[in-house]
Amino acid sequence: ALAAGLSTRTPQPPGGSYQSWPSDADFSLDLAWSARRAYNFMRATAEWGRPYWLTAQGQSWRVARALGWDGGATLSAPVVYQDGILRIRFNPGSVSAIGTASAP
């Protein structure tokens, strides 16, 4: 229709909005989310190539990639870090991910 010149202009309806490109704040993880939600969010947005950020007990964490989730897992701390792998406590469950503590 466009090539043939048959398309018609349709104005945007009132109340429409424009959302800019995502900022760092859009890649923040909320520990109140379920583990499944956090994992799905990270996997769905992985192609952006942006790190995810979270803060737990005054420490900021840079999360590079989600590895898996467990809806029934319980952790003794909000974040457990060992050998480059983060286990992050969500509500409910936990996510395993590659990440590091960020510099203050």
PDB file of N, CA and C in Angstrom:
ATOM      1  N   ALA A   1       0.827  -1.184   0.000  1.00  0.00           N
ATOM      2  CA  ALA A   1       0.000   0.000   0.000  1.00  0.00           C
ATOM      3  C   ALA A   1       0.877   1.256   0.000  1.00  0.00           C
ATOM      4  N   LEU A   2       1.967   1.229   0.756  1.00  0.00           N
ATOM      5  CA  LEU A   2       2.832   2.399   0.829  1.00  0.00           C
ATOM      6  C   LEU A   2       3.496   2.677  -0.516  1.00  0.00           C
ATOM      7  N   ALA A   3       4.047   1.649  -1.147  1.00  0.00           N
ATOM      8  CA  ALA A   3       4.719   1.825  -2.437  1.00  0.00           C
ATOM      9  C   ALA A   3       3.750   2.283  -3.515  1.00  0.00           C
ATOM     10  N   ALA A   4       2.508   1.843  -3.424  1.00  0.00           N
ATOM     11  CA  ALA A   4       1.507   2.218  -4.424  1.00  0.00           C
ATOM     12  C   ALA A   4       0.871   3.564  -4.113  1.00  0.00           C
ATOM     13  N   GLY A   5       1.225   4.167  -2.990  1.00  0.00           N
ATOM     14  CA  GLY A   5       0.656   5.460  -2.619  1.00  0.00           C
ATOM     15  C   GLY A   5      -0.765   5.361  -2.115  1.00  0.00           C
ATOM     16  N   LEU A   6      -1.161   4.188  -1.636  1.00  0.00           N
ATOM     17  CA  LEU A   6      -2.535   3.982  -1.192  1.00  0.00           C
ATOM     18  C   LEU A   6      -2.715   4.072   0.319  1.00  0.00           C
ATOM     19  N   SER A   7      -1.636   4.291   1.042  1.00  0.00           N
ATOM     20  CA  SER A   7      -1.777   4.375   2.497  1.00  0.00           C
ATOM     21  C   SER A   7      -2.312   5.740   2.887  1.00  0.00           C
ATOM     22  N   THR A   8      -3.028   5.769   3.992  1.00  0.00           N
ATOM     23  CA  THR A   8      -3.571   7.037   4.486  1.00  0.00           C
ATOM     24  C   THR A   8      -2.899   7.384   5.803  1.00  0.00           C
ATOM     25  N   ARG A   9      -2.744   8.659   6.022  1.00  0.00           N
ATOM     26  CA  ARG A   9      -2.131   9.146   7.253  1.00  0.00           C
ATOM     27  C   ARG A   9      -3.137   9.011   8.388  1.00  0.00           C
ATOM     28  N   THR A  10      -2.676   8.444   9.498  1.00  0.00           N
ATOM     29  CA  THR A  10      -3.523   8.287  10.675  1.00  0.00           C
ATOM     30  C   THR A  10      -2.825   8.952  11.848  1.00  0.00           C
ATOM     31  N   PRO A  11      -3.390  10.035  12.374  1.00  0.00           N
ATOM     32  CA  PRO A  11      -2.742  10.710  13.501  1.00  0.00           C
ATOM     33  C   PRO A  11      -2.813   9.845  14.765  1.00  0.00           C
ATOM     34  N   GLN A  12      -1.832  10.067  15.637  1.00  0.00           N
ATOM     35  CA  GLN A  12      -1.814   9.357  16.911  1.00  0.00           C
ATOM     36  C   GLN A  12      -2.973   9.856  17.758  1.00  0.00           C
ATOM     37  N   PRO A  13      -3.682   8.956  18.450  1.00  0.00           N
ATOM     38  CA  PRO A  13      -4.805   9.394  19.277  1.00  0.00           C
ATOM     39  C   PRO A  13      -4.325  10.201  20.484  1.00  0.00           C
ATOM     40  N   PRO A  14      -5.204  11.017  21.051  1.00  0.00           N
ATOM     41  CA  PRO A  14      -4.842  11.780  22.249  1.00  0.00           C
ATOM     42  C   PRO A  14      -4.398  10.835  23.370  1.00  0.00           C
ATOM     43  N   GLY A  15      -3.459  11.299  24.163  1.00  0.00           N
ATOM     44  CA  GLY A  15      -2.973  10.499  25.278  1.00  0.00           C
ATOM     45  C   GLY A  15      -1.812   9.596  24.909  1.00  0.00           C
ATOM     46  N   GLY A  16      -1.420   9.588  23.642  1.00  0.00           N
ATOM     47  CA  GLY A  16      -0.273   8.785  23.226  1.00  0.00           C
ATOM     48  C   GLY A  16       0.997   9.353  23.836  1.00  0.00           C
ATOM     49  N   SER A  17       1.989   8.528  23.962  1.00  0.00           N
ATOM     50  CA  SER A  17       3.231   9.008  24.559  1.00  0.00           C
ATOM     51  C   SER A  17       4.422   8.467  23.794  1.00  0.00           C
ATOM     52  N   TYR A  18       5.573   9.010  24.105  1.00  0.00           N
ATOM     53  CA  TYR A  18       6.821   8.580  23.494  1.00  0.00           C
ATOM     54  C   TYR A  18       7.745   8.126  24.608  1.00  0.00           C
ATOM     55  N   GLN A  19       8.280   6.954  24.489  1.00  0.00           N
ATOM     56  CA  GLN A  19       9.233   6.445  25.476  1.00  0.00           C
ATOM     57  C   GLN A  19      10.604   6.416  24.826  1.00  0.00           C
ATOM     58  N   SER A  20      11.565   7.047  25.466  1.00  0.00           N
ATOM     59  CA  SER A  20      12.915   7.090  24.912  1.00  0.00           C
ATOM     60  C   SER A  20      13.607   5.740  25.092  1.00  0.00           C
ATOM     61  N   TRP A  21      14.833   5.656  24.625  1.00  0.00           N
ATOM     62  CA  TRP A  21      15.631   4.448  24.807  1.00  0.00           C
ATOM     63  C   TRP A  21      15.797   4.179  26.292  1.00  0.00           C
ATOM     64  N   PRO A  22      15.920   2.926  26.688  1.00  0.00           N
ATOM     65  CA  PRO A  22      16.072   2.608  28.111  1.00  0.00           C
ATOM     66  C   PRO A  22      17.342   3.216  28.709  1.00  0.00           C
ATOM     67  N   SER A  23      17.226   3.630  29.963  1.00  0.00           N
ATOM     68  CA  SER A  23      18.376   4.154  30.702  1.00  0.00           C
ATOM     69  C   SER A  23      18.842   3.084  31.693  1.00  0.00           C
ATOM     70  N   ASP A  24      19.925   3.350  32.407  1.00  0.00           N
ATOM     71  CA  ASP A  24      20.419   2.404  33.412  1.00  0.00           C
ATOM     72  C   ASP A  24      19.341   2.056  34.436  1.00  0.00           C
ATOM     73  N   ALA A  25      18.521   3.046  34.796  1.00  0.00           N
ATOM     74  CA  ALA A  25      17.467   2.815  35.788  1.00  0.00           C
ATOM     75  C   ALA A  25      16.461   1.766  35.314  1.00  0.00           C
ATOM     76  N   ASP A  26      16.282   1.648  34.005  1.00  0.00           N
ATOM     77  CA  ASP A  26      15.346   0.662  33.463  1.00  0.00           C
ATOM     78  C   ASP A  26      15.868  -0.768  33.591  1.00  0.00           C
ATOM     79  N   PHE A  27      17.145  -0.919  33.930  1.00  0.00           N
ATOM     80  CA  PHE A  27      17.748  -2.243  34.076  1.00  0.00           C
ATOM     81  C   PHE A  27      18.031  -2.572  35.542  1.00  0.00           C
ATOM     82  N   SER A  28      17.336  -1.889  36.445  1.00  0.00           N
ATOM     83  CA  SER A  28      17.462  -2.167  37.881  1.00  0.00           C
ATOM     84  C   SER A  28      16.592  -3.362  38.243  1.00  0.00           C
ATOM     85  N   LEU A  29      17.099  -4.192  39.127  1.00  0.00           N
ATOM     86  CA  LEU A  29      16.352  -5.349  39.609  1.00  0.00           C
ATOM     87  C   LEU A  29      15.760  -5.025  40.970  1.00  0.00           C
ATOM     88  N   ASP A  30      14.513  -5.380  41.170  1.00  0.00           N
ATOM     89  CA  ASP A  30      13.805  -5.124  42.417  1.00  0.00           C
ATOM     90  C   ASP A  30      13.701  -6.437  43.193  1.00  0.00           C
ATOM     91  N   LEU A  31      14.262  -6.485  44.376  1.00  0.00           N
ATOM     92  CA  LEU A  31      14.260  -7.712  45.168  1.00  0.00           C
ATOM     93  C   LEU A  31      12.864  -8.122  45.625  1.00  0.00           C
ATOM     94  N   ALA A  32      11.872  -7.252  45.462  1.00  0.00           N
ATOM     95  CA  ALA A  32      10.491  -7.605  45.785  1.00  0.00           C
ATOM     96  C   ALA A  32       9.840  -8.427  44.663  1.00  0.00           C
ATOM     97  N   TRP A  33      10.469  -8.451  43.479  1.00  0.00           N
ATOM     98  CA  TRP A  33       9.947  -9.270  42.377  1.00  0.00           C
ATOM     99  C   TRP A  33      10.083 -10.747  42.729  1.00  0.00           C
ATOM    100  N   SER A  34       9.311 -11.579  42.046  1.00  0.00           N
ATOM    101  CA  SER A  34       9.524 -13.024  42.148  1.00  0.00           C
ATOM    102  C   SER A  34      10.780 -13.380  41.352  1.00  0.00           C
ATOM    103  N   ALA A  35      11.388 -14.498  41.701  1.00  0.00           N
ATOM    104  CA  ALA A  35      12.575 -14.956  40.972  1.00  0.00           C
ATOM    105  C   ALA A  35      12.236 -15.190  39.504  1.00  0.00           C
ATOM    106  N   ARG A  36      11.081 -15.725  39.254  1.00  0.00           N
ATOM    107  CA  ARG A  36      10.679 -15.982  37.863  1.00  0.00           C
ATOM    108  C   ARG A  36      10.577 -14.684  37.074  1.00  0.00           C
ATOM    109  N   ARG A  37       9.972 -13.663  37.670  1.00  0.00           N
ATOM    110  CA  ARG A  37       9.853 -12.374  36.987  1.00  0.00           C
ATOM    111  C   ARG A  37      11.228 -11.788  36.696  1.00  0.00           C
ATOM    112  N   ALA A  38      12.117 -11.804  37.684  1.00  0.00           N
ATOM    113  CA  ALA A  38      13.460 -11.247  37.499  1.00  0.00           C
ATOM    114  C   ALA A  38      14.214 -12.006  36.407  1.00  0.00           C
ATOM    115  N   TYR A  39      14.157 -13.325  36.450  1.00  0.00           N
ATOM    116  CA  TYR A  39      14.841 -14.144  35.443  1.00  0.00           C
ATOM    117  C   TYR A  39      14.274 -13.861  34.052  1.00  0.00           C
ATOM    118  N   ASN A  40      12.954 -13.855  33.921  1.00  0.00           N
ATOM    119  CA  ASN A  40      12.337 -13.588  32.618  1.00  0.00           C
ATOM    120  C   ASN A  40      12.696 -12.198  32.106  1.00  0.00           C
ATOM    121  N   PHE A  41      12.720 -11.208  32.992  1.00  0.00           N
ATOM    122  CA  PHE A  41      13.095  -9.849  32.594  1.00  0.00           C
ATOM    123  C   PHE A  41      14.522  -9.824  32.054  1.00  0.00           C
ATOM    124  N   MET A  42      15.441 -10.456  32.771  1.00  0.00           N
ATOM    125  CA  MET A  42      16.842 -10.442  32.334  1.00  0.00           C
ATOM    126  C   MET A  42      17.031 -11.199  31.022  1.00  0.00           C
ATOM    127  N   ARG A  43      16.366 -12.317  30.860  1.00  0.00           N
ATOM    128  CA  ARG A  43      16.502 -13.078  29.615  1.00  0.00           C
ATOM    129  C   ARG A  43      15.854 -12.328  28.446  1.00  0.00           C
ATOM    130  N   ALA A  44      14.718 -11.691  28.692  1.00  0.00           N
ATOM    131  CA  ALA A  44      14.018 -10.987  27.616  1.00  0.00           C
ATOM    132  C   ALA A  44      14.762  -9.743  27.150  1.00  0.00           C
ATOM    133  N   THR A  45      15.550  -9.139  28.030  1.00  0.00           N
ATOM    134  CA  THR A  45      16.261  -7.905  27.676  1.00  0.00           C
ATOM    135  C   THR A  45      17.756  -8.129  27.465  1.00  0.00           C
ATOM    136  N   ALA A  46      18.201  -9.374  27.463  1.00  0.00           N
ATOM    137  CA  ALA A  46      19.631  -9.687  27.330  1.00  0.00           C
ATOM    138  C   ALA A  46      20.223  -9.152  26.033  1.00  0.00           C
ATOM    139  N   GLU A  47      19.435  -9.119  24.966  1.00  0.00           N
ATOM    140  CA  GLU A  47      19.978  -8.671  23.678  1.00  0.00           C
ATOM    141  C   GLU A  47      20.408  -7.205  23.690  1.00  0.00           C
ATOM    142  N   TRP A  48      19.957  -6.444  24.676  1.00  0.00           N
ATOM    143  CA  TRP A  48      20.394  -5.050  24.789  1.00  0.00           C
ATOM    144  C   TRP A  48      21.863  -4.971  25.195  1.00  0.00           C
ATOM    145  N   GLY A  49      22.373  -6.028  25.812  1.00  0.00           N
ATOM    146  CA  GLY A  49      23.778  -6.047  26.218  1.00  0.00           C
ATOM    147  C   GLY A  49      24.106  -5.109  27.365  1.00  0.00           C
ATOM    148  N   ARG A  50      23.111  -4.752  28.148  1.00  0.00           N
ATOM    149  CA  ARG A  50      23.313  -3.830  29.271  1.00  0.00           C
ATOM    150  C   ARG A  50      23.399  -4.614  30.573  1.00  0.00           C
ATOM    151  N   PRO A  51      24.189  -4.151  31.531  1.00  0.00           N
ATOM    152  CA  PRO A  51      24.214  -4.814  32.835  1.00  0.00           C
ATOM    153  C   PRO A  51      22.954  -4.477  33.628  1.00  0.00           C
ATOM    154  N   TYR A  52      22.635  -5.335  34.555  1.00  0.00           N
ATOM    155  CA  TYR A  52      21.520  -5.111  35.475  1.00  0.00           C
ATOM    156  C   TYR A  52      22.132  -4.690  36.805  1.00  0.00           C
ATOM    157  N   TRP A  53      21.391  -3.908  37.567  1.00  0.00           N
ATOM    158  CA  TRP A  53      21.910  -3.380  38.829  1.00  0.00           C
ATOM    159  C   TRP A  53      20.941  -3.695  39.949  1.00  0.00           C
ATOM    160  N   LEU A  54      21.505  -3.973  41.109  1.00  0.00           N
ATOM    161  CA  LEU A  54      20.684  -4.111  42.299  1.00  0.00           C
ATOM    162  C   LEU A  54      21.497  -3.662  43.499  1.00  0.00           C
ATOM    163  N   THR A  55      20.795  -3.264  44.525  1.00  0.00           N
ATOM    164  CA  THR A  55      21.423  -2.875  45.783  1.00  0.00           C
ATOM    165  C   THR A  55      20.803  -3.717  46.883  1.00  0.00           C
ATOM    166  N   ALA A  56      21.659  -4.317  47.700  1.00  0.00           N
ATOM    167  CA  ALA A  56      21.196  -5.129  48.824  1.00  0.00           C
ATOM    168  C   ALA A  56      22.124  -4.889  50.003  1.00  0.00           C
ATOM    169  N   GLN A  57      21.555  -4.544  51.129  1.00  0.00           N
ATOM    170  CA  GLN A  57      22.299  -4.296  52.367  1.00  0.00           C
ATOM    171  C   GLN A  57      23.437  -3.301  52.153  1.00  0.00           C
ATOM    172  N   GLY A  58      23.168  -2.231  51.425  1.00  0.00           N
ATOM    173  CA  GLY A  58      24.144  -1.174  51.210  1.00  0.00           C
ATOM    174  C   GLY A  58      25.202  -1.468  50.167  1.00  0.00           C
ATOM    175  N   GLN A  59      25.174  -2.623  49.546  1.00  0.00           N
ATOM    176  CA  GLN A  59      26.149  -3.002  48.515  1.00  0.00           C
ATOM    177  C   GLN A  59      25.467  -3.006  47.150  1.00  0.00           C
ATOM    178  N   SER A  60      26.121  -2.390  46.171  1.00  0.00           N
ATOM    179  CA  SER A  60      25.612  -2.419  44.799  1.00  0.00           C
ATOM    180  C   SER A  60      26.239  -3.587  44.056  1.00  0.00           C
ATOM    181  N   TRP A  61      25.444  -4.207  43.216  1.00  0.00           N
ATOM    182  CA  TRP A  61      25.886  -5.367  42.441  1.00  0.00           C
ATOM    183  C   TRP A  61      25.604  -5.130  40.967  1.00  0.00           C
ATOM    184  N   ARG A  62      26.562  -5.523  40.144  1.00  0.00           N
ATOM    185  CA  ARG A  62      26.426  -5.460  38.687  1.00  0.00           C
ATOM    186  C   ARG A  62      26.185  -6.886  38.217  1.00  0.00           C
ATOM    187  N   VAL A  63      25.058  -7.106  37.591  1.00  0.00           N
ATOM    188  CA  VAL A  63      24.673  -8.441  37.146  1.00  0.00           C
ATOM    189  C   VAL A  63      24.770  -8.485  35.628  1.00  0.00           C
ATOM    190  N   ALA A  64      25.575  -9.401  35.120  1.00  0.00           N
ATOM    191  CA  ALA A  64      25.811  -9.470  33.679  1.00  0.00           C
ATOM    192  C   ALA A  64      24.807 -10.361  32.953  1.00  0.00           C
ATOM    193  N   ARG A  65      24.478 -11.514  33.547  1.00  0.00           N
ATOM    194  CA  ARG A  65      23.641 -12.470  32.818  1.00  0.00           C
ATOM    195  C   ARG A  65      22.974 -13.440  33.778  1.00  0.00           C
ATOM    196  N   ALA A  66      21.688 -13.684  33.567  1.00  0.00           N
ATOM    197  CA  ALA A  66      20.953 -14.659  34.366  1.00  0.00           C
ATOM    198  C   ALA A  66      21.278 -16.065  33.889  1.00  0.00           C
ATOM    199  N   LEU A  67      21.474 -16.967  34.837  1.00  0.00           N
ATOM    200  CA  LEU A  67      21.776 -18.363  34.504  1.00  0.00           C
ATOM    201  C   LEU A  67      20.588 -19.290  34.747  1.00  0.00           C
ATOM    202  N   GLY A  68      19.809 -19.001  35.774  1.00  0.00           N
ATOM    203  CA  GLY A  68      18.666 -19.849  36.095  1.00  0.00           C
ATOM    204  C   GLY A  68      17.917 -19.304  37.292  1.00  0.00           C
ATOM    205  N   TRP A  69      16.781 -19.912  37.583  1.00  0.00           N
ATOM    206  CA  TRP A  69      15.998 -19.475  38.737  1.00  0.00           C
ATOM    207  C   TRP A  69      15.406 -20.688  39.437  1.00  0.00           C
ATOM    208  N   ASP A  70      15.097 -20.512  40.722  1.00  0.00           N
ATOM    209  CA  ASP A  70      14.497 -21.558  41.536  1.00  0.00           C
ATOM    210  C   ASP A  70      13.418 -20.903  42.381  1.00  0.00           C
ATOM    211  N   GLY A  71      12.167 -21.207  42.079  1.00  0.00           N
ATOM    212  CA  GLY A  71      11.045 -20.574  42.761  1.00  0.00           C
ATOM    213  C   GLY A  71      10.889 -20.956  44.213  1.00  0.00           C
ATOM    214  N   GLY A  72      11.505 -22.052  44.640  1.00  0.00           N
ATOM    215  CA  GLY A  72      11.366 -22.494  46.019  1.00  0.00           C
ATOM    216  C   GLY A  72      12.590 -22.278  46.876  1.00  0.00           C
ATOM    217  N   ALA A  73      13.637 -21.735  46.301  1.00  0.00           N
ATOM    218  CA  ALA A  73      14.892 -21.561  47.046  1.00  0.00           C
ATOM    219  C   ALA A  73      14.771 -20.471  48.096  1.00  0.00           C
ATOM    220  N   THR A  74      15.455 -20.679  49.206  1.00  0.00           N
ATOM    221  CA  THR A  74      15.569 -19.650  50.236  1.00  0.00           C
ATOM    222  C   THR A  74      17.052 -19.445  50.514  1.00  0.00           C
ATOM    223  N   LEU A  75      17.442 -18.205  50.639  1.00  0.00           N
ATOM    224  CA  LEU A  75      18.836 -17.858  50.918  1.00  0.00           C
ATOM    225  C   LEU A  75      18.912 -17.157  52.260  1.00  0.00           C
ATOM    226  N   SER A  76      20.039 -17.294  52.937  1.00  0.00           N
ATOM    227  CA  SER A  76      20.223 -16.665  54.242  1.00  0.00           C
ATOM    228  C   SER A  76      20.512 -15.174  54.135  1.00  0.00           C
ATOM    229  N   ALA A  77      20.909 -14.710  52.955  1.00  0.00           N
ATOM    230  CA  ALA A  77      21.218 -13.293  52.729  1.00  0.00           C
ATOM    231  C   ALA A  77      20.620 -12.879  51.385  1.00  0.00           C
ATOM    232  N   PRO A  78      20.402 -11.575  51.176  1.00  0.00           N
ATOM    233  CA  PRO A  78      19.839 -11.125  49.901  1.00  0.00           C
ATOM    234  C   PRO A  78      20.690 -11.499  48.692  1.00  0.00           C
ATOM    235  N   VAL A  79      22.020 -11.479  48.861  1.00  0.00           N
ATOM    236  CA  VAL A  79      22.924 -11.856  47.777  1.00  0.00           C
ATOM    237  C   VAL A  79      24.023 -12.740  48.351  1.00  0.00           C
ATOM    238  N   VAL A  80      24.251 -13.872  47.712  1.00  0.00           N
ATOM    239  CA  VAL A  80      25.352 -14.763  48.073  1.00  0.00           C
ATOM    240  C   VAL A  80      26.273 -14.804  46.859  1.00  0.00           C
ATOM    241  N   TYR A  81      27.549 -14.447  47.067  1.00  0.00           N
ATOM    242  CA  TYR A  81      28.519 -14.364  45.971  1.00  0.00           C
ATOM    243  C   TYR A  81      29.619 -15.388  46.169  1.00  0.00           C
ATOM    244  N   GLN A  82      29.884 -16.168  45.113  1.00  0.00           N
ATOM    245  CA  GLN A  82      30.986 -17.127  45.182  1.00  0.00           C
ATOM    246  C   GLN A  82      31.494 -17.404  43.773  1.00  0.00           C
ATOM    247  N   ASP A  83      32.789 -17.179  43.563  1.00  0.00           N
ATOM    248  CA  ASP A  83      33.462 -17.491  42.297  1.00  0.00           C
ATOM    249  C   ASP A  83      32.775 -16.879  41.074  1.00  0.00           C
ATOM    250  N   GLY A  84      32.369 -15.627  41.191  1.00  0.00           N
ATOM    251  CA  GLY A  84      31.772 -14.933  40.055  1.00  0.00           C
ATOM    252  C   GLY A  84      30.300 -15.213  39.831  1.00  0.00           C
ATOM    253  N   ILE A  85      29.718 -16.051  40.670  1.00  0.00           N
ATOM    254  CA  ILE A  85      28.296 -16.377  40.551  1.00  0.00           C
ATOM    255  C   ILE A  85      27.538 -15.737  41.712  1.00  0.00           C
ATOM    256  N   LEU A  86      26.489 -15.017  41.378  1.00  0.00           N
ATOM    257  CA  LEU A  86      25.599 -14.426  42.373  1.00  0.00           C
ATOM    258  C   LEU A  86      24.377 -15.313  42.511  1.00  0.00           C
ATOM    259  N   ARG A  87      23.951 -15.517  43.732  1.00  0.00           N
ATOM    260  CA  ARG A  87      22.632 -16.088  43.985  1.00  0.00           C
ATOM    261  C   ARG A  87      21.864 -14.976  44.672  1.00  0.00           C
ATOM    262  N   ILE A  88      20.797 -14.547  44.030  1.00  0.00           N
ATOM    263  CA  ILE A  88      20.054 -13.373  44.472  1.00  0.00           C
ATOM    264  C   ILE A  88      18.693 -13.813  44.999  1.00  0.00           C
ATOM    265  N   ARG A  89      18.371 -13.383  46.217  1.00  0.00           N
ATOM    266  CA  ARG A  89      17.088 -13.728  46.836  1.00  0.00           C
ATOM    267  C   ARG A  89      16.009 -12.765  46.354  1.00  0.00           C
ATOM    268  N   PHE A  90      14.972 -13.330  45.774  1.00  0.00           N
ATOM    269  CA  PHE A  90      13.800 -12.553  45.383  1.00  0.00           C
ATOM    270  C   PHE A  90      12.628 -13.010  46.240  1.00  0.00           C
ATOM    271  N   ASN A  91      11.430 -12.581  45.907  1.00  0.00           N
ATOM    272  CA  ASN A  91      10.278 -12.857  46.753  1.00  0.00           C
ATOM    273  C   ASN A  91       9.126 -13.429  45.941  1.00  0.00           C
ATOM    274  N   PRO A  92       9.007 -14.721  45.831  1.00  0.00           N
ATOM    275  CA  PRO A  92       9.835 -15.784  46.399  1.00  0.00           C
ATOM    276  C   PRO A  92      10.917 -16.239  45.418  1.00  0.00           C
ATOM    277  N   GLY A  93      11.793 -17.089  45.920  1.00  0.00           N
ATOM    278  CA  GLY A  93      12.779 -17.760  45.094  1.00  0.00           C
ATOM    279  C   GLY A  93      14.095 -17.029  44.956  1.00  0.00           C
ATOM    280  N   SER A  94      14.959 -17.578  44.085  1.00  0.00           N
ATOM    281  CA  SER A  94      16.266 -16.973  43.849  1.00  0.00           C
ATOM    282  C   SER A  94      16.659 -17.134  42.388  1.00  0.00           C
ATOM    283  N   VAL A  95      17.568 -16.269  41.965  1.00  0.00           N
ATOM    284  CA  VAL A  95      18.125 -16.298  40.613  1.00  0.00           C
ATOM    285  C   VAL A  95      19.628 -16.477  40.737  1.00  0.00           C
ATOM    286  N   SER A  96      20.195 -17.339  39.906  1.00  0.00           N
ATOM    287  CA  SER A  96      21.647 -17.475  39.787  1.00  0.00           C
ATOM    288  C   SER A  96      22.077 -16.665  38.578  1.00  0.00           C
ATOM    289  N   ALA A  97      23.167 -15.920  38.737  1.00  0.00           N
ATOM    290  CA  ALA A  97      23.600 -15.031  37.660  1.00  0.00           C
ATOM    291  C   ALA A  97      25.101 -14.806  37.732  1.00  0.00           C
ATOM    292  N   ILE A  98      25.654 -14.370  36.624  1.00  0.00           N
ATOM    293  CA  ILE A  98      27.048 -13.945  36.590  1.00  0.00           C
ATOM    294  C   ILE A  98      27.067 -12.472  36.965  1.00  0.00           C
ATOM    295  N   GLY A  99      27.936 -12.091  37.906  1.00  0.00           N
ATOM    296  CA  GLY A  99      27.987 -10.702  38.317  1.00  0.00           C
ATOM    297  C   GLY A  99      29.114 -10.430  39.289  1.00  0.00           C
ATOM    298  N   THR A 100      29.234  -9.171  39.675  1.00  0.00           N
ATOM    299  CA  THR A 100      30.278  -8.730  40.596  1.00  0.00           C
ATOM    300  C   THR A 100      29.746  -7.607  41.472  1.00  0.00           C
ATOM    301  N   ALA A 101      30.431  -7.410  42.598  1.00  0.00           N
ATOM    302  CA  ALA A 101      30.145  -6.239  43.422  1.00  0.00           C
ATOM    303  C   ALA A 101      30.669  -5.029  42.669  1.00  0.00           C
ATOM    304  N   SER A 102      29.937  -3.934  42.717  1.00  0.00           N
ATOM    305  CA  SER A 102      30.413  -2.732  42.031  1.00  0.00           C
ATOM    306  C   SER A 102      31.181  -1.858  43.003  1.00  0.00           C
ATOM    307  N   ALA A 103      32.095  -1.079  42.460  1.00  0.00           N
ATOM    308  CA  ALA A 103      32.908  -0.183  43.288  1.00  0.00           C
ATOM    309  C   ALA A 103      32.032   0.900  43.885  1.00  0.00           C
ATOM    310  N   PRO A 104      32.345   1.322  45.108  1.00  0.00           N
ATOM    311  CA  PRO A 104      31.547   2.388  45.752  1.00  0.00           C
ATOM    312  C   PRO A 104      31.710   3.718  45.055  1.00  0.00           C
TER     313      PRO A 104
END
